Amino acid sequence: MATQAKKPRRTAERILEVTLELFNRFGEPNVSTTLISAELNISPGNLYYHYPAKDELINSLFDRYEKSLGELLQAADQVRNVEDAWLLFHMLFELIWQYRFLYRDLNDLLSKNRRLETHFQFVLRNKNQAIQAVIAGLVRGGAMKIEPRDIEPVATAMAVVLTYWLSYEYVRDPRRALEPESAGAALMRGAFHVLSLLIPYLEPSQREHLHALVGHYNKN
């Protein structure tokens, strides 16, 4: 009995795993529930039993992303230097990459899914608040100096780059940008260009350390 009780949950989990792979590979608009069923080798009825509509698959994946993002953003309060900030933003880009279909098809998804539209506004607000916390931590740690009035616009610009970086990568190289082999370089570039908005405010040693970090990753 215990094994039978666990099976539906395992099936639902597997459906989400495969759906995420397909969405990331082909883009959400290009993946039908029929394709998902075929990839899983299950009947459409079995898929609909767990997720009666495609939007429920999207919402379930987004919920996972939003939960992981919230946990990761909590680390923003611990940032005190460029290396801390580099690690945080690299981890943020890794999470975005894991759910890259959301960002690849963001405008299309928001236009079709009211729940996603609402929740992505929370995501954007939380990103902005976390980035402001990062800036405040860098100031407290002596890594940078910035006028209080400049913090909000700089944080907003960083949030924009963080949110739309993969779109930029895709436009720059549509055939390869979102392929797994491109991930490392794309994430490194994203993390650097987000943090590059802080370069005018960083202390000289921290500015040099940022460039050194980028150079180290470029060699690997």
Protein backbone atom coordinates (compact mmCIF):
# COMPACT_ATOMS: atom_id res chain seq x y z
CA MET A 1 0.00 0.00 0.00
CA ALA A 2 2.80 2.40 0.86
CA THR A 3 4.42 1.85 -2.55
CA GLN A 4 1.15 2.51 -4.35
CA ALA A 5 0.65 5.73 -2.40
CA LYS A 6 4.04 7.05 -3.50
CA LYS A 7 3.69 6.21 -7.19
CA PRO A 8 1.38 9.13 -8.18
CA ARG A 9 3.73 11.60 -6.53
CA ARG A 10 6.69 10.09 -8.36
CA THR A 11 4.83 10.28 -11.67
CA ALA A 12 3.95 13.93 -11.06
CA GLU A 13 7.59 14.65 -10.23
CA ARG A 14 8.82 12.93 -13.38
CA ILE A 15 6.32 14.87 -15.48
CA LEU A 16 7.72 18.15 -14.16
CA GLU A 17 11.32 17.06 -14.73
CA VAL A 18 10.67 16.12 -18.36
CA THR A 19 8.51 19.19 -18.97
CA LEU A 20 11.29 21.44 -17.71
CA GLU A 21 13.80 19.73 -20.01
CA LEU A 22 11.50 20.15 -23.02
CA PHE A 23 10.57 23.75 -22.22
CA ASN A 24 14.25 24.64 -21.83
CA ARG A 25 15.23 22.84 -25.03
CA PHE A 26 12.49 23.98 -27.38
CA GLY A 27 10.79 26.92 -25.65
CA GLU A 28 7.43 26.65 -23.88
CA PRO A 29 5.29 27.76 -26.87
CA ASN A 30 6.76 24.93 -28.96
CA VAL A 31 6.02 22.15 -26.48
CA SER A 32 2.55 20.60 -26.44
CA THR A 33 1.10 18.28 -23.81
CA THR A 34 1.08 15.62 -26.53
CA LEU A 35 4.85 15.95 -26.90
CA ILE A 36 5.30 15.77 -23.12
CA SER A 37 3.19 12.60 -22.96
CA ALA A 38 5.13 11.02 -25.80
CA GLU A 39 8.48 11.89 -24.21
CA LEU A 40 7.34 10.28 -20.96
CA ASN A 41 5.78 7.32 -22.77
CA ILE A 42 2.50 7.82 -20.90
CA SER A 43 -1.03 8.46 -22.14
CA PRO A 44 -2.36 12.02 -22.39
CA GLY A 45 -5.00 10.96 -19.86
CA ASN A 46 -2.29 10.07 -17.33
CA LEU A 47 -0.70 13.47 -17.85
CA TYR A 48 -4.03 15.27 -17.44
CA TYR A 49 -4.72 13.31 -14.25
CA HIS A 50 -1.74 15.02 -12.62
CA TYR A 51 -1.82 18.32 -14.53
CA PRO A 52 -5.20 19.01 -16.18
CA ALA A 53 -3.85 21.99 -18.16
CA LYS A 54 -0.53 23.14 -19.55
CA ASP A 55 -0.69 26.25 -17.37
CA GLU A 56 -0.61 24.00 -14.29
CA LEU A 57 2.71 22.59 -15.47
CA ILE A 58 4.05 26.10 -16.01
CA ASN A 59 2.77 27.29 -12.63
CA SER A 60 4.21 24.29 -10.79
CA LEU A 61 7.64 24.86 -12.34
CA PHE A 62 7.44 28.57 -11.60
CA ASP A 63 6.54 27.83 -7.97
CA ARG A 64 9.71 25.78 -7.65
CA TYR A 65 11.75 28.54 -9.22
CA GLU A 66 10.21 31.20 -6.99
CA LYS A 67 10.87 29.13 -3.85
CA SER A 68 14.52 28.52 -4.78
CA LEU A 69 14.98 32.17 -5.69
CA GLY A 70 13.58 33.33 -2.36
CA GLU A 71 15.98 31.06 -0.48
CA LEU A 72 18.93 32.26 -2.54
CA LEU A 73 18.11 35.95 -2.18
CA GLN A 74 18.32 35.62 1.60
CA ALA A 75 22.10 35.45 1.17
CA ALA A 76 22.11 39.07 -0.09
CA ASP A 77 22.35 40.34 3.49
CA GLN A 78 25.65 38.48 3.96
CA VAL A 79 27.54 40.15 1.08
CA ARG A 80 30.46 42.30 2.20
CA ASN A 81 32.91 42.27 -0.74
CA VAL A 82 33.14 41.70 -4.48
CA GLU A 83 33.87 37.99 -4.14
CA ASP A 84 30.70 37.51 -2.06
CA ALA A 85 28.70 39.43 -4.66
CA TRP A 86 30.26 37.48 -7.54
CA LEU A 87 29.31 34.17 -5.93
CA LEU A 88 25.74 35.32 -5.26
CA PHE A 89 25.12 36.59 -8.78
CA HIS A 90 26.71 33.54 -10.35
CA MET A 91 24.37 31.35 -8.28
CA LEU A 92 21.42 33.51 -9.34
CA PHE A 93 22.34 33.01 -12.98
CA GLU A 94 22.70 29.27 -12.42
CA LEU A 95 19.14 29.21 -11.06
CA ILE A 96 17.88 31.32 -13.96
CA TRP A 97 19.62 28.93 -16.35
CA GLN A 98 17.96 25.96 -14.68
CA TYR A 99 14.56 27.55 -15.44
CA ARG A 100 15.64 29.43 -18.55
CA PHE A 101 12.41 28.81 -20.43
CA LEU A 102 10.78 31.36 -18.11
CA TYR A 103 13.21 34.03 -19.28
CA ARG A 104 13.46 32.91 -22.88
CA ASP A 105 9.68 33.18 -23.31
CA LEU A 106 8.99 35.71 -20.56
CA ASN A 107 6.84 38.25 -22.41
CA ASP A 108 4.80 35.52 -24.10
CA LEU A 109 4.24 33.70 -20.80
CA LEU A 110 3.19 36.87 -18.97
CA SER A 111 0.71 37.78 -21.72
CA LYS A 112 -1.02 34.38 -21.43
CA ASN A 113 -0.81 33.57 -17.72
CA ARG A 114 -2.33 36.01 -15.25
CA ARG A 115 -0.90 34.20 -12.22
CA LEU A 116 2.59 34.34 -13.66
CA GLU A 117 2.14 38.01 -14.51
CA THR A 118 1.31 38.80 -10.90
CA HIS A 119 3.99 36.63 -9.33
CA PHE A 120 6.77 37.80 -11.63
CA GLN A 121 6.14 41.31 -10.33
CA PHE A 122 6.93 39.95 -6.86
CA VAL A 123 10.06 38.27 -8.24
CA LEU A 124 11.23 41.54 -9.78
CA ARG A 125 10.56 43.46 -6.57
CA ASN A 126 12.39 40.86 -4.48
CA LYS A 127 15.38 40.90 -6.84
CA ASN A 128 15.55 44.69 -6.58
CA GLN A 129 15.37 44.62 -2.79
CA ALA A 130 18.06 41.95 -2.60
CA ILE A 131 20.36 43.92 -4.90
CA GLN A 132 19.90 46.99 -2.75
CA ALA A 133 20.86 44.82 0.24
CA VAL A 134 23.99 43.70 -1.65
CA ILE A 135 24.95 47.33 -2.31
CA ALA A 136 24.34 48.25 1.33
CA GLY A 137 26.51 45.32 2.42
CA LEU A 138 29.32 46.34 0.08
CA VAL A 139 29.19 49.85 1.51
CA ARG A 140 29.28 48.52 5.09
CA GLY A 141 32.18 46.25 4.19
CA GLY A 142 34.17 49.17 2.77
CA ALA A 143 34.14 47.71 -0.75
CA MET A 144 32.41 50.68 -2.36
CA LYS A 145 31.09 54.20 -1.86
CA ILE A 146 27.81 55.42 -3.32
CA GLU A 147 25.40 58.24 -2.61
CA PRO A 148 22.16 56.97 -1.04
CA ARG A 149 20.11 58.56 -3.83
CA ASP A 150 22.02 56.50 -6.42
CA ILE A 151 21.34 53.10 -4.84
CA GLU A 152 17.80 52.56 -6.18
CA PRO A 153 18.50 53.41 -9.85
CA VAL A 154 21.71 51.36 -9.85
CA ALA A 155 19.87 48.41 -8.26
CA THR A 156 17.11 48.70 -10.86
CA ALA A 157 19.63 48.67 -13.71
CA MET A 158 21.26 45.57 -12.20
CA ALA A 159 17.87 43.87 -11.89
CA VAL A 160 17.14 44.62 -15.55
CA VAL A 161 20.43 43.04 -16.68
CA LEU A 162 19.86 40.05 -14.40
CA THR A 163 16.35 39.53 -15.78
CA TYR A 164 17.04 40.01 -19.48
CA TRP A 165 20.60 38.76 -19.84
CA LEU A 166 19.61 35.43 -21.36
CA SER A 167 17.40 37.25 -23.87
CA TYR A 168 20.44 39.28 -24.88
CA GLU A 169 22.52 36.11 -25.20
CA TYR A 170 19.80 34.54 -27.34
CA VAL A 171 19.60 37.51 -29.70
CA ARG A 172 23.38 37.59 -29.94
CA ASP A 173 23.64 33.92 -30.90
CA PRO A 174 20.19 32.30 -31.41
CA ARG A 175 21.52 28.91 -32.53
CA ARG A 176 23.78 28.26 -29.54
CA ALA A 177 23.09 30.70 -26.72
CA LEU A 178 20.67 28.54 -24.72
CA GLU A 179 22.38 25.21 -25.36
CA PRO A 180 23.94 23.47 -22.31
CA GLU A 181 27.49 23.79 -23.65
CA SER A 182 27.09 27.57 -23.69
CA ALA A 183 25.97 27.80 -20.07
CA GLY A 184 29.31 28.43 -18.35
CA ALA A 185 30.39 31.34 -20.52
CA ALA A 186 26.91 32.88 -20.60
CA LEU A 187 26.56 32.78 -16.82
CA MET A 188 30.03 34.23 -16.29
CA ARG A 189 29.31 37.08 -18.69
CA GLY A 190 25.98 37.75 -17.02
CA ALA A 191 27.45 37.88 -13.53
CA PHE A 192 30.22 40.22 -14.68
CA HIS A 193 27.93 42.61 -16.54
CA VAL A 194 25.56 42.88 -13.60
CA LEU A 195 28.45 43.69 -11.28
CA SER A 196 30.11 45.96 -13.84
CA LEU A 197 27.38 48.51 -13.06
CA LEU A 198 29.07 48.90 -9.67
CA ILE A 199 32.55 49.54 -11.09
CA PRO A 200 32.34 53.37 -10.82
CA TYR A 201 31.59 53.00 -7.10
CA LEU A 202 34.00 50.21 -6.14
CA GLU A 203 37.19 50.83 -4.23
CA PRO A 204 40.24 50.32 -6.51
CA SER A 205 41.29 47.03 -4.91
CA GLN A 206 37.77 45.64 -5.23
CA ARG A 207 37.57 46.79 -8.84
CA GLU A 208 40.78 44.93 -9.62
CA HIS A 209 39.55 41.87 -7.77
CA LEU A 210 36.39 41.78 -9.90
CA HIS A 211 38.46 41.81 -13.08
CA ALA A 212 40.72 39.11 -11.61
CA LEU A 213 37.70 36.91 -10.90
CA VAL A 214 36.50 37.30 -14.47
CA GLY A 215 39.98 36.52 -15.78
CA HIS A 216 40.13 33.37 -13.67
CA TYR A 217 36.81 32.11 -15.03
CA ASN A 218 37.80 32.97 -18.59
CA LYS A 219 40.80 30.66 -18.29
CA ASN A 220 38.69 27.72 -17.08
